[in-house]
Amino acid sequence: MKKIVPALFLSCAALLINVSAQKRAAKSPCYDARTQLEMNECADKQFQAADAELNRVYKQLVSKAENDPKLKTAEVSWLKYRDDNCAYEASMYEGGSMQPMVYSFCLERMTKARTAELGVQLKEFDK
C-alpha cells in the first residue's frame, strides 16, 4: 500500500501536467498546423500581425513626440538589433525546415515586447 500511493500520486500529477500542456497548446494560433510549411506560414502570419500593431503604436508615438529624430534613430537601431538577434537564434537550425518558424516566432516575441515598450512611452504623453 505504501508503494501504491506515491505511484498513484505521480500518475495523477503527470496526467494533470499533460492536460495543462494540451490546453496551452490548443490556445496557440498555430495549433492546427500539421506540416512544417503550415507551421512556418502560421508563424510568419503571427509576426506580421505583431508588426502591424508595432507600426500602429509607433505612428501614434511619432505624432505625440513631434517627429523627434531620437525616436527614429532608436527605432532603426532596435529593428536592426531585432533582426540580427533573431537571425542568430534561427541560425541554430540552419538548413533545417523549421528555421523560418524559429525566426518568425523570435521576430513576433521581440516585436510584441517592443510594442509594449512604446506603449509605455506613449502613455507618458497622456499624463
N, C-alpha and C. Protein backbone atom coordinates (compact mmCIF):
# COMPACT_ATOMS: atom_id res chain seq x y z
N MET A 1 0.83 -1.19 0.00
CA MET A 1 0.00 0.00 0.00
C MET A 1 0.87 1.25 0.00
N LYS A 2 1.99 1.20 0.77
CA LYS A 2 2.86 2.36 0.85
C LYS A 2 3.46 2.71 -0.51
N LYS A 3 3.69 1.72 -1.36
CA LYS A 3 4.28 1.96 -2.68
C LYS A 3 3.23 2.39 -3.69
N ILE A 4 2.00 2.02 -3.49
CA ILE A 4 0.93 2.33 -4.43
C ILE A 4 0.55 3.80 -4.35
N VAL A 5 0.48 4.37 -3.17
CA VAL A 5 0.07 5.76 -3.00
C VAL A 5 1.00 6.73 -3.73
N PRO A 6 2.33 6.64 -3.55
CA PRO A 6 3.20 7.55 -4.30
C PRO A 6 3.10 7.34 -5.82
N ALA A 7 2.97 6.11 -6.24
CA ALA A 7 2.87 5.83 -7.68
C ALA A 7 1.57 6.41 -8.23
N LEU A 8 0.48 6.28 -7.49
CA LEU A 8 -0.79 6.83 -7.89
C LEU A 8 -0.72 8.36 -7.93
N PHE A 9 -0.09 8.93 -6.94
CA PHE A 9 0.08 10.38 -6.89
C PHE A 9 0.87 10.88 -8.10
N LEU A 10 1.97 10.23 -8.41
CA LEU A 10 2.79 10.62 -9.56
C LEU A 10 2.04 10.47 -10.87
N SER A 11 1.26 9.42 -11.00
CA SER A 11 0.47 9.22 -12.21
C SER A 11 -0.55 10.33 -12.39
N CYS A 12 -1.22 10.70 -11.31
CA CYS A 12 -2.20 11.80 -11.36
C CYS A 12 -1.53 13.12 -11.70
N ALA A 13 -0.38 13.36 -11.11
CA ALA A 13 0.35 14.61 -11.39
C ALA A 13 0.76 14.67 -12.85
N ALA A 14 1.25 13.56 -13.39
CA ALA A 14 1.65 13.52 -14.80
C ALA A 14 0.46 13.76 -15.70
N LEU A 15 -0.68 13.20 -15.37
CA LEU A 15 -1.89 13.40 -16.16
C LEU A 15 -2.31 14.86 -16.14
N LEU A 16 -2.28 15.50 -14.99
CA LEU A 16 -2.65 16.91 -14.87
C LEU A 16 -1.70 17.80 -15.67
N ILE A 17 -0.43 17.50 -15.62
CA ILE A 17 0.56 18.28 -16.38
C ILE A 17 0.29 18.14 -17.87
N ASN A 18 0.00 16.93 -18.31
CA ASN A 18 -0.27 16.68 -19.72
C ASN A 18 -1.52 17.42 -20.18
N VAL A 19 -2.59 17.40 -19.40
CA VAL A 19 -3.82 18.10 -19.74
C VAL A 19 -3.56 19.60 -19.80
N SER A 20 -2.81 20.12 -18.85
CA SER A 20 -2.47 21.55 -18.83
C SER A 20 -1.68 21.95 -20.07
N ALA A 21 -0.73 21.14 -20.46
CA ALA A 21 0.07 21.42 -21.66
C ALA A 21 -0.80 21.40 -22.90
N GLN A 22 -1.75 20.46 -22.96
CA GLN A 22 -2.64 20.39 -24.12
C GLN A 22 -3.53 21.62 -24.20
N LYS A 23 -4.01 22.11 -23.07
CA LYS A 23 -4.85 23.31 -23.07
C LYS A 23 -4.05 24.52 -23.55
N ARG A 24 -2.80 24.64 -23.10
CA ARG A 24 -1.96 25.77 -23.54
C ARG A 24 -1.71 25.68 -25.03
N ALA A 25 -1.43 24.50 -25.52
CA ALA A 25 -1.15 24.31 -26.95
C ALA A 25 -2.39 24.61 -27.78
N ALA A 26 -3.55 24.24 -27.29
CA ALA A 26 -4.79 24.48 -28.03
C ALA A 26 -5.07 25.97 -28.19
N LYS A 27 -4.55 26.79 -27.31
CA LYS A 27 -4.74 28.24 -27.40
C LYS A 27 -3.82 28.87 -28.43
N SER A 28 -2.79 28.17 -28.85
CA SER A 28 -1.84 28.69 -29.82
C SER A 28 -2.52 28.81 -31.17
N PRO A 29 -2.37 29.94 -31.85
CA PRO A 29 -2.97 30.10 -33.18
C PRO A 29 -2.42 29.11 -34.20
N CYS A 30 -1.25 28.56 -33.96
CA CYS A 30 -0.64 27.63 -34.90
C CYS A 30 -0.90 26.17 -34.51
N TYR A 31 -1.78 25.96 -33.55
CA TYR A 31 -2.03 24.61 -33.04
C TYR A 31 -2.49 23.64 -34.13
N ASP A 32 -3.31 24.14 -35.07
CA ASP A 32 -3.86 23.27 -36.10
C ASP A 32 -2.91 23.00 -37.25
N ALA A 33 -1.79 23.70 -37.31
CA ALA A 33 -0.83 23.46 -38.40
C ALA A 33 -0.30 22.04 -38.30
N ARG A 34 -0.29 21.35 -39.42
CA ARG A 34 0.11 19.94 -39.41
C ARG A 34 1.48 19.70 -40.06
N THR A 35 1.82 20.50 -41.04
CA THR A 35 3.10 20.31 -41.72
C THR A 35 4.04 21.43 -41.32
N GLN A 36 5.32 21.24 -41.56
CA GLN A 36 6.29 22.28 -41.21
C GLN A 36 6.02 23.54 -42.03
N LEU A 37 5.62 23.37 -43.29
CA LEU A 37 5.29 24.53 -44.12
C LEU A 37 4.13 25.31 -43.51
N GLU A 38 3.10 24.63 -43.05
CA GLU A 38 1.97 25.30 -42.41
C GLU A 38 2.41 26.01 -41.13
N MET A 39 3.29 25.37 -40.37
CA MET A 39 3.80 26.00 -39.14
C MET A 39 4.61 27.25 -39.46
N ASN A 40 5.45 27.16 -40.50
CA ASN A 40 6.25 28.31 -40.91
C ASN A 40 5.35 29.46 -41.35
N GLU A 41 4.33 29.14 -42.15
CA GLU A 41 3.41 30.17 -42.63
C GLU A 41 2.62 30.79 -41.49
N CYS A 42 2.18 29.98 -40.57
CA CYS A 42 1.43 30.48 -39.42
C CYS A 42 2.30 31.39 -38.56
N ALA A 43 3.53 30.97 -38.32
CA ALA A 43 4.45 31.78 -37.52
C ALA A 43 4.69 33.13 -38.20
N ASP A 44 4.81 33.13 -39.52
CA ASP A 44 5.00 34.38 -40.25
C ASP A 44 3.77 35.28 -40.13
N LYS A 45 2.59 34.70 -40.20
CA LYS A 45 1.35 35.48 -40.04
C LYS A 45 1.29 36.10 -38.65
N GLN A 46 1.71 35.33 -37.64
CA GLN A 46 1.73 35.85 -36.27
C GLN A 46 2.68 37.05 -36.18
N PHE A 47 3.85 36.92 -36.80
CA PHE A 47 4.79 38.04 -36.80
C PHE A 47 4.20 39.24 -37.54
N GLN A 48 3.59 39.01 -38.70
CA GLN A 48 3.04 40.12 -39.48
C GLN A 48 1.98 40.88 -38.67
N ALA A 49 1.16 40.16 -37.92
CA ALA A 49 0.16 40.81 -37.07
C ALA A 49 0.83 41.63 -35.97
N ALA A 50 1.86 41.08 -35.36
CA ALA A 50 2.58 41.81 -34.31
C ALA A 50 3.27 43.04 -34.89
N ASP A 51 3.81 42.90 -36.08
CA ASP A 51 4.50 44.03 -36.73
C ASP A 51 3.51 45.14 -37.09
N ALA A 52 2.32 44.77 -37.53
CA ALA A 52 1.29 45.78 -37.84
C ALA A 52 0.92 46.56 -36.58
N GLU A 53 0.81 45.87 -35.47
CA GLU A 53 0.49 46.54 -34.19
C GLU A 53 1.64 47.45 -33.77
N LEU A 54 2.87 46.98 -33.93
CA LEU A 54 4.03 47.82 -33.62
C LEU A 54 4.00 49.10 -34.45
N ASN A 55 3.74 48.97 -35.73
CA ASN A 55 3.71 50.15 -36.60
C ASN A 55 2.60 51.11 -36.21
N ARG A 56 1.46 50.57 -35.79
CA ARG A 56 0.36 51.43 -35.35
C ARG A 56 0.76 52.24 -34.11
N VAL A 57 1.34 51.56 -33.13
CA VAL A 57 1.74 52.24 -31.89
C VAL A 57 2.88 53.22 -32.17
N TYR A 58 3.82 52.81 -33.00
CA TYR A 58 4.95 53.68 -33.34
C TYR A 58 4.47 54.96 -33.99
N LYS A 59 3.53 54.88 -34.92
CA LYS A 59 3.00 56.07 -35.59
C LYS A 59 2.33 57.01 -34.59
N GLN A 60 1.62 56.43 -33.63
CA GLN A 60 1.00 57.26 -32.59
C GLN A 60 2.06 57.98 -31.78
N LEU A 61 3.12 57.26 -31.43
CA LEU A 61 4.19 57.85 -30.64
C LEU A 61 4.92 58.93 -31.43
N VAL A 62 5.16 58.71 -32.70
CA VAL A 62 5.82 59.71 -33.54
C VAL A 62 5.00 60.99 -33.56
N SER A 63 3.70 60.87 -33.68
CA SER A 63 2.86 62.07 -33.72
C SER A 63 2.88 62.81 -32.39
N LYS A 64 2.90 62.07 -31.30
CA LYS A 64 2.94 62.71 -29.97
C LYS A 64 4.32 63.31 -29.69
N ALA A 65 5.37 62.63 -30.18
CA ALA A 65 6.74 63.09 -29.93
C ALA A 65 7.18 64.13 -30.97
N GLU A 66 6.26 64.51 -31.82
CA GLU A 66 6.52 65.55 -32.82
C GLU A 66 7.74 65.23 -33.67
N ASN A 67 7.77 63.99 -34.19
CA ASN A 67 8.85 63.53 -35.08
C ASN A 67 10.25 63.71 -34.50
N ASP A 68 10.40 63.44 -33.23
CA ASP A 68 11.70 63.54 -32.57
C ASP A 68 12.69 62.62 -33.29
N PRO A 69 13.80 63.17 -33.80
CA PRO A 69 14.76 62.33 -34.53
C PRO A 69 15.39 61.24 -33.65
N LYS A 70 15.44 61.44 -32.36
CA LYS A 70 15.98 60.42 -31.46
C LYS A 70 15.10 59.17 -31.46
N LEU A 71 13.81 59.36 -31.57
CA LEU A 71 12.89 58.22 -31.63
C LEU A 71 13.14 57.41 -32.89
N LYS A 72 13.29 58.10 -34.01
CA LYS A 72 13.54 57.39 -35.27
C LYS A 72 14.88 56.65 -35.20
N THR A 73 15.90 57.28 -34.67
CA THR A 73 17.21 56.63 -34.53
C THR A 73 17.10 55.39 -33.66
N ALA A 74 16.38 55.52 -32.55
CA ALA A 74 16.21 54.39 -31.64
C ALA A 74 15.46 53.24 -32.33
N GLU A 75 14.44 53.58 -33.11
CA GLU A 75 13.64 52.53 -33.75
C GLU A 75 14.44 51.83 -34.85
N VAL A 76 15.19 52.58 -35.61
CA VAL A 76 16.03 51.97 -36.65
C VAL A 76 17.06 51.04 -36.02
N SER A 77 17.67 51.50 -34.93
CA SER A 77 18.66 50.67 -34.22
C SER A 77 18.01 49.42 -33.64
N TRP A 78 16.81 49.59 -33.07
CA TRP A 78 16.12 48.44 -32.49
C TRP A 78 15.75 47.43 -33.57
N LEU A 79 15.27 47.89 -34.71
CA LEU A 79 14.92 46.98 -35.80
C LEU A 79 16.13 46.16 -36.25
N LYS A 80 17.27 46.80 -36.36
CA LYS A 80 18.48 46.07 -36.75
C LYS A 80 18.84 45.05 -35.68
N TYR A 81 18.77 45.45 -34.41
CA TYR A 81 19.06 44.53 -33.31
C TYR A 81 18.10 43.34 -33.35
N ARG A 82 16.80 43.61 -33.50
CA ARG A 82 15.82 42.53 -33.54
C ARG A 82 16.13 41.54 -34.66
N ASP A 83 16.33 42.08 -35.84
CA ASP A 83 16.58 41.22 -37.00
C ASP A 83 17.87 40.41 -36.83
N ASP A 84 18.92 41.06 -36.34
CA ASP A 84 20.19 40.35 -36.12
C ASP A 84 20.06 39.30 -35.03
N ASN A 85 19.37 39.63 -33.96
CA ASN A 85 19.20 38.69 -32.86
C ASN A 85 18.40 37.47 -33.30
N CYS A 86 17.35 37.70 -34.05
CA CYS A 86 16.52 36.58 -34.49
C CYS A 86 17.24 35.75 -35.55
N ALA A 87 18.05 36.39 -36.37
CA ALA A 87 18.86 35.63 -37.33
C ALA A 87 19.82 34.71 -36.58
N TYR A 88 20.37 35.22 -35.49
CA TYR A 88 21.26 34.39 -34.66
C TYR A 88 20.49 33.21 -34.06
N GLU A 89 19.33 33.49 -33.45
CA GLU A 89 18.54 32.41 -32.85
C GLU A 89 18.19 31.34 -33.88
N ALA A 90 17.78 31.78 -35.06
CA ALA A 90 17.37 30.84 -36.10
C ALA A 90 18.57 30.09 -36.70
N SER A 91 19.75 30.67 -36.57
CA SER A 91 20.93 30.03 -37.17
C SER A 91 21.24 28.69 -36.52
N MET A 92 20.72 28.46 -35.34
CA MET A 92 20.91 27.17 -34.69
C MET A 92 20.21 26.06 -35.45
N TYR A 93 19.30 26.45 -36.33
CA TYR A 93 18.54 25.48 -37.14
C TYR A 93 18.87 25.65 -38.63
N GLU A 94 20.03 26.22 -38.90
CA GLU A 94 20.47 26.49 -40.27
C GLU A 94 20.32 25.25 -41.15
N GLY A 95 19.65 25.45 -42.28
CA GLY A 95 19.46 24.36 -43.22
C GLY A 95 18.28 23.47 -42.92
N GLY A 96 17.67 23.66 -41.77
CA GLY A 96 16.51 22.84 -41.40
C GLY A 96 15.21 23.50 -41.80
N SER A 97 14.18 22.70 -41.93
CA SER A 97 12.89 23.22 -42.39
C SER A 97 12.18 24.08 -41.34
N MET A 98 12.60 23.97 -40.08
CA MET A 98 11.95 24.78 -39.05
C MET A 98 12.65 26.12 -38.81
N GLN A 99 13.73 26.39 -39.50
CA GLN A 99 14.45 27.65 -39.31
C GLN A 99 13.54 28.87 -39.53
N PRO A 100 12.73 28.90 -40.60
CA PRO A 100 11.86 30.07 -40.79
C PRO A 100 10.86 30.25 -39.65
N MET A 101 10.37 29.16 -39.10
CA MET A 101 9.43 29.25 -37.99
C MET A 101 10.10 29.84 -36.75
N VAL A 102 11.28 29.37 -36.44
CA VAL A 102 12.03 29.87 -35.29
C VAL A 102 12.30 31.37 -35.47
N TYR A 103 12.69 31.75 -36.68
CA TYR A 103 12.96 33.16 -36.98
C TYR A 103 11.70 34.00 -36.79
N SER A 104 10.58 33.53 -37.33
CA SER A 104 9.33 34.30 -37.23
C SER A 104 8.83 34.39 -35.79
N PHE A 105 8.92 33.30 -35.04
CA PHE A 105 8.49 33.36 -33.64
C PHE A 105 9.37 34.32 -32.83
N CYS A 106 10.65 34.35 -33.13
CA CYS A 106 11.55 35.29 -32.46
C CYS A 106 11.15 36.72 -32.81
N LEU A 107 10.92 36.98 -34.10
CA LEU A 107 10.50 38.31 -34.53
C LEU A 107 9.21 38.72 -33.84
N GLU A 108 8.27 37.79 -33.75
CA GLU A 108 6.99 38.09 -33.10
C GLU A 108 7.20 38.43 -31.63
N ARG A 109 7.96 37.59 -30.94
CA ARG A 109 8.20 37.79 -29.50
C ARG A 109 8.85 39.14 -29.23
N MET A 110 9.90 39.45 -29.98
CA MET A 110 10.62 40.70 -29.76
C MET A 110 9.77 41.91 -30.17
N THR A 111 8.99 41.75 -31.22
CA THR A 111 8.14 42.85 -31.69
C THR A 111 7.05 43.16 -30.68
N LYS A 112 6.46 42.14 -30.10
CA LYS A 112 5.45 42.37 -29.06
C LYS A 112 6.06 43.07 -27.84
N ALA A 113 7.26 42.69 -27.48
CA ALA A 113 7.93 43.34 -26.35
C ALA A 113 8.21 44.81 -26.67
N ARG A 114 8.64 45.09 -27.88
CA ARG A 114 8.92 46.48 -28.28
C ARG A 114 7.63 47.29 -28.32
N THR A 115 6.56 46.68 -28.79
CA THR A 115 5.27 47.37 -28.82
C THR A 115 4.85 47.76 -27.41
N ALA A 116 5.07 46.87 -26.45
CA ALA A 116 4.75 47.18 -25.05
C ALA A 116 5.60 48.34 -24.56
N GLU A 117 6.90 48.34 -24.91
CA GLU A 117 7.78 49.45 -24.51
C GLU A 117 7.28 50.78 -25.07
N LEU A 118 6.95 50.78 -26.35
CA LEU A 118 6.47 52.01 -26.98
C LEU A 118 5.13 52.43 -26.39
N GLY A 119 4.32 51.45 -26.02
CA GLY A 119 3.03 51.76 -25.39
C GLY A 119 3.23 52.48 -24.06
N VAL A 120 4.21 52.08 -23.30
CA VAL A 120 4.52 52.76 -22.03
C VAL A 120 4.96 54.19 -22.33
N GLN A 121 5.81 54.36 -23.33
CA GLN A 121 6.27 55.70 -23.70
C GLN A 121 5.11 56.56 -24.17
N LEU A 122 4.20 55.97 -24.91
CA LEU A 122 3.03 56.69 -25.40
C LEU A 122 2.16 57.19 -24.25
N LYS A 123 2.01 56.35 -23.22
CA LYS A 123 1.21 56.73 -22.06
C LYS A 123 1.81 57.92 -21.31
N GLU A 124 3.13 58.08 -21.40
CA GLU A 124 3.80 59.21 -20.74
C GLU A 124 3.32 60.54 -21.30
N PHE A 125 2.94 60.55 -22.56
CA PHE A 125 2.44 61.81 -23.17
C PHE A 125 1.03 62.13 -22.71
N ASP A 126 0.31 61.13 -22.23
CA ASP A 126 -1.07 61.34 -21.79
C ASP A 126 -1.18 61.78 -20.34
N LYS A 127 -0.04 61.84 -19.65
CA LYS A 127 -0.07 62.23 -18.23
C LYS A 127 -0.21 63.72 -18.08
